């Protein structure tokens, strides 16, 4: 089967790029699909994640003026579709242009939309203005209209179903990026968080929580791995609480598995999620995961008290207490970590790919 993915970029260190590298490579190498990926103003000369050499990439280079941008984008997509002649088109673009693509280019073959984030991504702060709320409301209506034109609209969690009133919805979670592995090495006194610095990931809430943790356990470190953002920097907050020696900020790493194996606890402080792939990755390495019970994803993965801990969304005191609970109780940490490895098998790529293959067949037969 010939598949064409339409996305913005695949060269960066983001979650969408990571997931696409796993799925598309498996489809090409293990299932024998002819996989093509169309990007926008991207370069594949230095990919952060590994993509199969069997995948063919195409790129649209656009000028920045709005008129040239829109015309060039649609023309580039149509030309690529004509050239590749795919059996199925899959759109991985969380922006409005991706949602409306069936309306812009027409539907000459089955089209699938993959939604990798929550609708809440539209909110950039705790208290959006009236103008922002009106703008978001209009945007959500347009998104739902466009989404209804797809043959299938794929979300990552059962919770995400609540965001959309559509008849074409299906749930397929993200796959693990590596096989579950038991680590017998001695753990460092470190708590790890992974993800880009932004409002969504809630590192400001995590720093607030860590202030109390540091007072009780000054010998423990919080290590954050992710792309830094000058528009959402937690450094001033770290400086204010004098936590510079306790909180370490790292750049993204390809080998995050090694960091999970080295550290003792994983924490997710997101205000909202599309899935929470880092939870499954941490669990695959035997880490107990502590997460805000945010919309949506963590509650699909974590069974509170069995393979991790869930706390009330945004409750920094509860998050601090949960971190301290696992620091104080090594036996609990090890039990949750062991259960985490056992519970994560349902996210293996073989099982996730089988769900995708069933969807492909249902749309082409």
Protein backbone atom coordinates (compact mmCIF):
# COMPACT_ATOMS: atom_id res chain seq x y z
CA UNK A 1 0.00 0.00 0.00
CA UNK A 2 1.31 3.46 -0.86
CA UNK A 3 1.03 5.97 2.00
CA UNK A 4 1.62 9.72 1.86
CA UNK A 5 2.11 11.59 5.12
CA UNK A 6 1.64 15.38 5.01
CA UNK A 7 3.26 17.19 7.92
CA UNK A 8 5.22 20.35 8.68
CA UNK A 9 8.63 18.93 9.54
CA UNK A 10 10.42 15.74 10.49
CA UNK A 11 13.89 17.08 11.24
CA UNK A 12 13.30 18.37 14.77
CA UNK A 13 13.29 16.75 18.24
CA UNK A 14 9.53 17.02 18.88
CA UNK A 15 7.08 14.33 19.88
CA UNK A 16 5.30 14.26 16.53
CA UNK A 17 8.60 13.73 14.70
CA UNK A 18 9.54 10.95 17.12
CA UNK A 19 6.24 9.13 16.67
CA UNK A 20 6.29 9.49 12.90
CA UNK A 21 9.83 8.12 12.70
CA UNK A 22 8.73 4.99 14.57
CA UNK A 23 5.46 4.37 12.74
CA UNK A 24 6.52 5.26 9.21
CA UNK A 25 9.73 3.25 9.51
CA UNK A 26 7.85 0.20 10.79
CA UNK A 27 5.26 0.48 8.03
CA UNK A 28 8.04 0.61 5.42
CA UNK A 29 10.47 -1.95 6.84
CA UNK A 30 8.21 -4.51 8.50
CA UNK A 31 4.86 -4.22 6.69
CA UNK A 32 6.22 -3.46 3.24
CA UNK A 33 4.23 -0.29 2.64
CA UNK A 34 5.56 2.28 0.17
CA UNK A 35 5.86 5.30 2.50
CA UNK A 36 6.28 8.92 1.42
CA UNK A 37 6.49 12.00 3.66
CA UNK A 38 5.77 15.53 2.45
CA UNK A 39 7.21 18.36 4.57
CA UNK A 40 7.02 22.14 4.51
CA UNK A 41 10.17 24.32 4.49
CA UNK A 42 12.10 21.49 6.08
CA UNK A 43 15.46 19.88 5.52
CA UNK A 44 16.11 16.17 5.95
CA UNK A 45 19.90 16.53 5.78
CA UNK A 46 20.25 16.21 9.56
CA UNK A 47 17.32 14.36 11.13
CA UNK A 48 17.15 14.27 14.93
CA UNK A 49 15.40 10.88 14.87
CA UNK A 50 16.14 7.90 12.64
CA UNK A 51 13.84 7.28 9.67
CA UNK A 52 14.00 4.19 7.47
CA UNK A 53 16.05 4.62 4.29
CA UNK A 54 13.08 3.07 2.45
CA UNK A 55 10.98 6.18 3.11
CA UNK A 56 10.89 8.76 0.33
CA UNK A 57 10.70 12.40 1.41
CA UNK A 58 9.35 15.40 -0.50
CA UNK A 59 9.53 19.04 0.55
CA UNK A 60 7.68 22.22 -0.37
CA UNK A 61 9.80 25.40 -0.23
CA UNK A 62 7.65 28.50 0.18
CA UNK A 63 8.08 32.23 0.24
CA UNK A 64 6.82 34.00 3.34
CA UNK A 65 4.24 36.35 1.82
CA UNK A 66 0.72 35.07 2.65
CA UNK A 67 -0.52 34.92 -0.96
CA UNK A 68 2.51 33.01 -2.24
CA UNK A 69 2.45 30.82 0.87
CA UNK A 70 -1.14 29.60 0.48
CA UNK A 71 -0.99 29.19 -3.30
CA UNK A 72 2.40 27.48 -3.17
CA UNK A 73 1.40 25.17 -0.33
CA UNK A 74 -1.73 23.89 -2.04
CA UNK A 75 -0.01 23.61 -5.42
CA UNK A 76 2.89 21.70 -3.87
CA UNK A 77 0.56 19.24 -2.16
CA UNK A 78 -1.47 18.62 -5.31
CA UNK A 79 1.69 18.10 -7.38
CA UNK A 80 3.07 15.63 -4.85
CA UNK A 81 -0.20 13.69 -4.70
CA UNK A 82 -0.23 13.50 -8.49
CA UNK A 83 3.39 12.32 -8.52
CA UNK A 84 3.15 9.78 -5.68
CA UNK A 85 -0.42 8.58 -6.39
CA UNK A 86 -0.97 7.32 -2.82
CA UNK A 87 -3.65 4.87 -1.76
CA UNK A 88 -4.13 6.81 1.49
CA UNK A 89 -3.20 10.34 2.58
CA UNK A 90 -2.40 10.89 6.28
CA UNK A 91 -2.26 14.43 7.62
CA UNK A 92 -0.14 15.11 10.73
CA UNK A 93 -0.53 18.87 11.07
CA UNK A 94 -2.13 20.15 14.26
CA UNK A 95 -2.71 23.59 12.74
CA UNK A 96 -5.91 24.85 11.14
CA UNK A 97 -4.52 24.43 7.61
CA UNK A 98 -4.12 20.70 8.24
CA UNK A 99 -7.66 20.36 9.51
CA UNK A 100 -9.10 22.09 6.45
CA UNK A 101 -6.97 20.30 3.87
CA UNK A 102 -9.77 18.10 2.41
CA UNK A 103 -11.69 21.28 1.63
CA UNK A 104 -8.69 22.95 0.00
CA UNK A 105 -7.43 20.11 -2.20
CA UNK A 106 -10.50 17.92 -2.60
CA UNK A 107 -10.64 14.24 -1.74
CA UNK A 108 -9.48 12.03 -4.57
CA UNK A 109 -8.70 9.14 -2.18
CA UNK A 110 -9.15 8.22 1.51
CA UNK A 111 -7.75 10.77 3.96
CA UNK A 112 -6.87 10.25 7.62
CA UNK A 113 -6.19 13.01 10.11
CA UNK A 114 -3.92 12.32 13.10
CA UNK A 115 -4.52 14.63 16.07
CA UNK A 116 -1.44 14.70 18.29
CA UNK A 117 -2.46 17.43 20.75
CA UNK A 118 -5.42 18.50 22.84
CA UNK A 119 -7.60 21.43 21.78
CA UNK A 120 -6.22 23.14 24.86
CA UNK A 121 -3.03 23.85 22.91
CA UNK A 122 -4.82 27.00 21.72
CA UNK A 123 -4.61 28.46 25.23
CA UNK A 124 -1.28 30.15 25.96
CA UNK A 125 -1.94 31.27 29.54
CA UNK A 126 -4.21 30.63 32.51
CA UNK A 127 -6.56 33.55 31.84
CA UNK A 128 -7.18 34.12 28.11
CA UNK A 129 -8.74 37.44 27.16
CA UNK A 130 -12.26 37.76 25.77
CA UNK A 131 -10.78 38.32 22.30
CA UNK A 132 -8.68 35.17 22.63
CA UNK A 133 -11.69 33.13 23.79
CA UNK A 134 -13.77 34.35 20.81
CA UNK A 135 -10.89 33.62 18.45
CA UNK A 136 -10.51 30.11 19.89
CA UNK A 137 -14.25 29.46 19.61
CA UNK A 138 -14.23 30.36 15.92
CA UNK A 139 -11.11 28.29 15.36
CA UNK A 140 -12.65 25.24 17.09
CA UNK A 141 -15.76 25.47 14.90
CA UNK A 142 -13.62 25.60 11.76
CA UNK A 143 -11.51 22.70 13.02
CA UNK A 144 -14.57 20.53 13.66
CA UNK A 145 -15.97 21.38 10.24
CA UNK A 146 -12.74 20.40 8.53
CA UNK A 147 -12.29 17.29 10.70
CA UNK A 148 -15.69 15.98 9.67
CA UNK A 149 -14.54 15.83 6.03
CA UNK A 150 -11.87 13.22 6.75
CA UNK A 151 -12.60 9.51 6.29
CA UNK A 152 -11.06 8.85 9.71
CA UNK A 153 -10.04 11.18 12.53
CA UNK A 154 -7.53 9.50 14.84
CA UNK A 155 -7.02 10.66 18.43
CA UNK A 156 -4.57 9.22 20.93
CA UNK A 157 -6.64 8.62 24.06
CA UNK A 158 -10.19 7.87 25.16
CA UNK A 159 -10.25 11.24 26.87
CA UNK A 160 -9.58 13.00 23.56
CA UNK A 161 -12.89 11.63 22.30
CA UNK A 162 -14.61 14.12 24.59
CA UNK A 163 -13.15 17.05 22.65
CA UNK A 164 -14.80 16.18 19.35
CA UNK A 165 -18.42 15.61 18.32
CA UNK A 166 -17.64 13.60 15.19
CA UNK A 167 -18.79 10.31 13.67
CA UNK A 168 -15.40 9.43 12.15
CA UNK A 169 -13.40 9.17 15.40
CA UNK A 170 -11.10 6.31 16.30
CA UNK A 171 -8.51 5.90 19.07
CA UNK A 172 -5.00 4.65 18.27
CA UNK A 173 -2.33 5.45 20.91
CA UNK A 174 1.26 6.35 20.19
CA UNK A 175 3.71 3.42 20.10
CA UNK A 176 6.67 2.93 22.38
CA UNK A 177 9.90 4.27 20.94
CA UNK A 178 11.89 1.36 22.38
CA UNK A 179 11.24 -2.07 23.85
CA UNK A 180 10.56 -2.41 27.59
CA UNK A 181 13.80 -3.06 29.42
CA UNK A 182 14.60 -3.89 33.02
CA UNK A 183 17.50 -1.92 34.45
CA UNK A 184 19.42 -3.31 37.40
CA UNK A 185 21.81 -0.36 37.73
CA UNK A 186 21.83 1.74 40.88
CA UNK A 187 19.60 4.77 40.42
CA UNK A 188 20.83 8.31 40.97
CA UNK A 189 18.96 10.60 43.32
CA UNK A 190 17.28 12.33 40.41
CA UNK A 191 13.76 13.05 39.21
CA UNK A 192 13.45 13.46 35.43
CA UNK A 193 11.04 15.50 33.29
CA UNK A 194 11.08 15.51 29.49
CA UNK A 195 9.52 17.91 26.98
CA UNK A 196 9.95 21.32 25.39
CA UNK A 197 9.72 24.42 27.56
CA UNK A 198 6.26 25.90 27.02
CA UNK A 199 3.02 26.75 28.83
CA UNK A 200 1.61 23.30 28.09
CA UNK A 201 4.40 21.38 29.85
CA UNK A 202 3.92 23.31 33.08
CA UNK A 203 7.55 23.55 34.17
CA UNK A 204 6.66 26.66 36.15
CA UNK A 205 4.30 24.45 38.20
CA UNK A 206 7.03 21.83 38.51
CA UNK A 207 9.52 24.37 39.86
CA UNK A 208 6.90 25.54 42.37
CA UNK A 209 6.45 21.92 43.47
CA UNK A 210 10.19 21.27 43.62
CA UNK A 211 10.72 24.15 46.05
CA UNK A 212 9.15 22.05 48.82
CA UNK A 213 10.84 18.85 47.65
CA UNK A 214 14.23 20.54 47.85
CA UNK A 215 13.60 21.68 51.42
CA UNK A 216 12.94 18.09 52.52
CA UNK A 217 15.43 16.34 50.24
CA UNK A 218 18.27 18.75 49.34
CA UNK A 219 20.41 15.85 48.08
CA UNK A 220 17.95 15.08 45.22
CA UNK A 221 18.06 16.73 41.78
CA UNK A 222 15.37 17.61 39.25
CA UNK A 223 16.60 17.16 35.68
CA UNK A 224 14.58 18.62 32.79
CA UNK A 225 15.35 17.57 29.21
CA UNK A 226 13.82 19.65 26.44
CA UNK A 227 14.16 22.44 23.90
CA UNK A 228 14.47 25.77 25.72
CA UNK A 229 12.13 28.64 24.89
CA UNK A 230 13.06 32.29 25.59
CA UNK A 231 9.34 33.16 25.65
CA UNK A 232 8.65 30.63 28.41
CA UNK A 233 11.77 30.38 30.51
CA UNK A 234 11.69 28.90 34.01
CA UNK A 235 15.19 30.21 34.79
CA UNK A 236 13.91 33.37 36.57
CA UNK A 237 11.72 31.21 38.80
CA UNK A 238 14.62 28.86 39.53
CA UNK A 239 16.77 31.90 40.41
CA UNK A 240 14.04 33.38 42.63
CA UNK A 241 13.81 30.20 44.71
CA UNK A 242 17.60 29.69 44.71
CA UNK A 243 17.27 26.25 43.11
CA UNK A 244 20.11 26.57 40.59
CA UNK A 245 22.10 23.74 42.12
CA UNK A 246 19.01 21.54 42.52
CA UNK A 247 17.36 21.90 39.08
CA UNK A 248 19.38 21.02 35.99
CA UNK A 249 18.19 22.08 32.51
CA UNK A 250 19.42 19.87 29.65
CA UNK A 251 19.02 20.04 25.88
CA UNK A 252 17.04 17.26 24.14
CA UNK A 253 18.86 13.96 23.73
CA UNK A 254 18.31 11.15 21.22
CA UNK A 255 19.15 8.57 23.85
CA UNK A 256 16.53 9.50 26.43
CA UNK A 257 16.27 5.82 27.42
CA UNK A 258 19.71 6.04 29.05
CA UNK A 259 18.59 9.02 31.12
CA UNK A 260 15.42 7.20 32.20
CA UNK A 261 17.50 4.19 33.24
CA UNK A 262 19.87 6.40 35.24
CA UNK A 263 17.22 8.36 37.16
CA UNK A 264 14.77 7.16 39.81
CA UNK A 265 11.41 8.89 39.19
CA UNK A 266 9.66 10.44 36.20
CA UNK A 267 7.35 13.42 36.58
CA UNK A 268 4.92 15.00 34.10
CA UNK A 269 3.69 18.47 35.06
CA UNK A 270 1.72 19.22 31.89
CA UNK A 271 -1.42 21.34 32.02
CA UNK A 272 -2.77 19.24 29.13
CA UNK A 273 -1.49 16.57 26.78
CA UNK A 274 -2.31 14.83 23.53
CA UNK A 275 -1.09 11.54 24.94
CA UNK A 276 1.93 11.67 27.23
CA UNK A 277 4.41 9.54 25.30
CA UNK A 278 7.19 10.26 27.79
CA UNK A 279 5.15 8.41 30.43
CA UNK A 280 5.19 5.23 28.35
CA UNK A 281 8.90 5.68 27.64
CA UNK A 282 9.71 6.15 31.32
CA UNK A 283 7.60 3.13 32.25
CA UNK A 284 9.36 1.04 29.62
CA UNK A 285 12.57 1.72 31.55
CA UNK A 286 11.00 0.72 34.86
CA UNK A 287 10.42 4.21 36.23
CA UNK A 288 7.38 5.03 38.31
CA UNK A 289 5.69 8.04 36.76
CA UNK A 290 3.98 10.85 38.67
CA UNK A 291 1.65 13.03 36.63
CA UNK A 292 -1.01 15.66 36.91
CA UNK A 293 -4.33 14.08 35.93
CA UNK A 294 -4.55 16.51 33.04
CA UNK A 295 -6.64 16.30 29.86
CA UNK A 296 -5.88 13.97 28.19
CA UNK A 297 -3.59 10.97 28.31
CA UNK A 298 -2.02 10.29 31.70
CA UNK A 299 -5.15 8.61 33.10
CA UNK A 300 -5.21 6.27 30.08
CA UNK A 301 -1.68 5.12 30.91
CA UNK A 302 -1.29 5.43 34.68
CA UNK A 303 -3.35 3.36 37.12
CA UNK A 304 -2.95 5.37 40.31
CA UNK A 305 -1.09 3.46 42.98
CA UNK A 306 -0.41 0.49 40.70
CA UNK A 307 2.08 1.60 38.03
CA UNK A 308 2.44 5.27 38.95
CA UNK A 309 0.74 8.15 40.73
CA UNK A 310 -1.88 10.63 39.50
CA UNK A 311 -2.48 13.92 41.30
CA UNK A 312 -5.08 16.64 40.81
CA UNK A 313 -4.31 18.72 37.75
CA UNK A 314 -2.40 21.88 38.61
CA UNK A 315 -2.14 21.07 42.33
CA UNK A 316 1.52 21.85 43.01
CA UNK A 317 1.31 20.83 46.67
CA UNK A 318 -0.10 17.42 45.73
CA UNK A 319 2.64 16.99 43.12
CA UNK A 320 5.29 17.89 45.69
CA UNK A 321 3.84 15.41 48.19
CA UNK A 322 3.73 12.64 45.59
CA UNK A 323 7.38 13.19 44.64
CA UNK A 324 8.39 13.13 48.31
CA UNK A 325 6.33 9.97 48.85
CA UNK A 326 8.34 8.10 46.21
CA UNK A 327 11.65 9.57 47.37
CA UNK A 328 10.92 8.37 50.91
CA UNK A 329 9.65 4.91 49.93
CA UNK A 330 12.14 2.97 47.80
CA UNK A 331 10.06 -0.20 48.05
CA UNK A 332 7.04 1.62 46.61
CA UNK A 333 9.20 3.08 43.82
CA UNK A 334 10.43 -0.36 42.85
CA UNK A 335 6.97 -1.94 42.98
CA UNK A 336 5.42 0.76 40.81
CA UNK A 337 8.36 0.56 38.40
CA UNK A 338 8.05 -3.21 38.03
CA UNK A 339 4.31 -2.91 37.40
CA UNK A 340 4.96 -0.12 34.91
CA UNK A 341 7.09 -2.39 32.70
CA UNK A 342 4.42 -5.09 32.73
CA UNK A 343 1.60 -2.66 31.91
CA UNK A 344 3.30 -1.02 28.97
CA UNK A 345 3.30 -3.96 26.56
CA UNK A 346 0.05 -2.78 24.97
CA UNK A 347 1.96 0.13 23.43
CA UNK A 348 4.51 -1.97 21.53
CA UNK A 349 4.80 -0.92 17.88
CA UNK A 350 3.68 -4.36 16.67
CA UNK A 351 0.31 -3.94 18.37
CA UNK A 352 -0.14 -0.29 17.40
CA UNK A 353 0.79 -1.03 13.77
CA UNK A 354 -1.84 -3.76 13.65
CA UNK A 355 -4.51 -1.18 14.55
CA UNK A 356 -3.26 1.15 11.82
CA UNK A 357 -3.18 -1.63 9.25
CA UNK A 358 -6.79 -2.54 10.07
CA UNK A 359 -7.79 1.09 9.54
CA UNK A 360 -5.94 1.24 6.21
CA UNK A 361 -7.69 -1.90 4.97
CA UNK A 362 -11.12 -0.67 6.07
CA UNK A 363 -10.68 2.50 3.99
CA UNK A 364 -9.39 0.81 0.83
CA UNK A 365 -11.61 -2.28 0.50
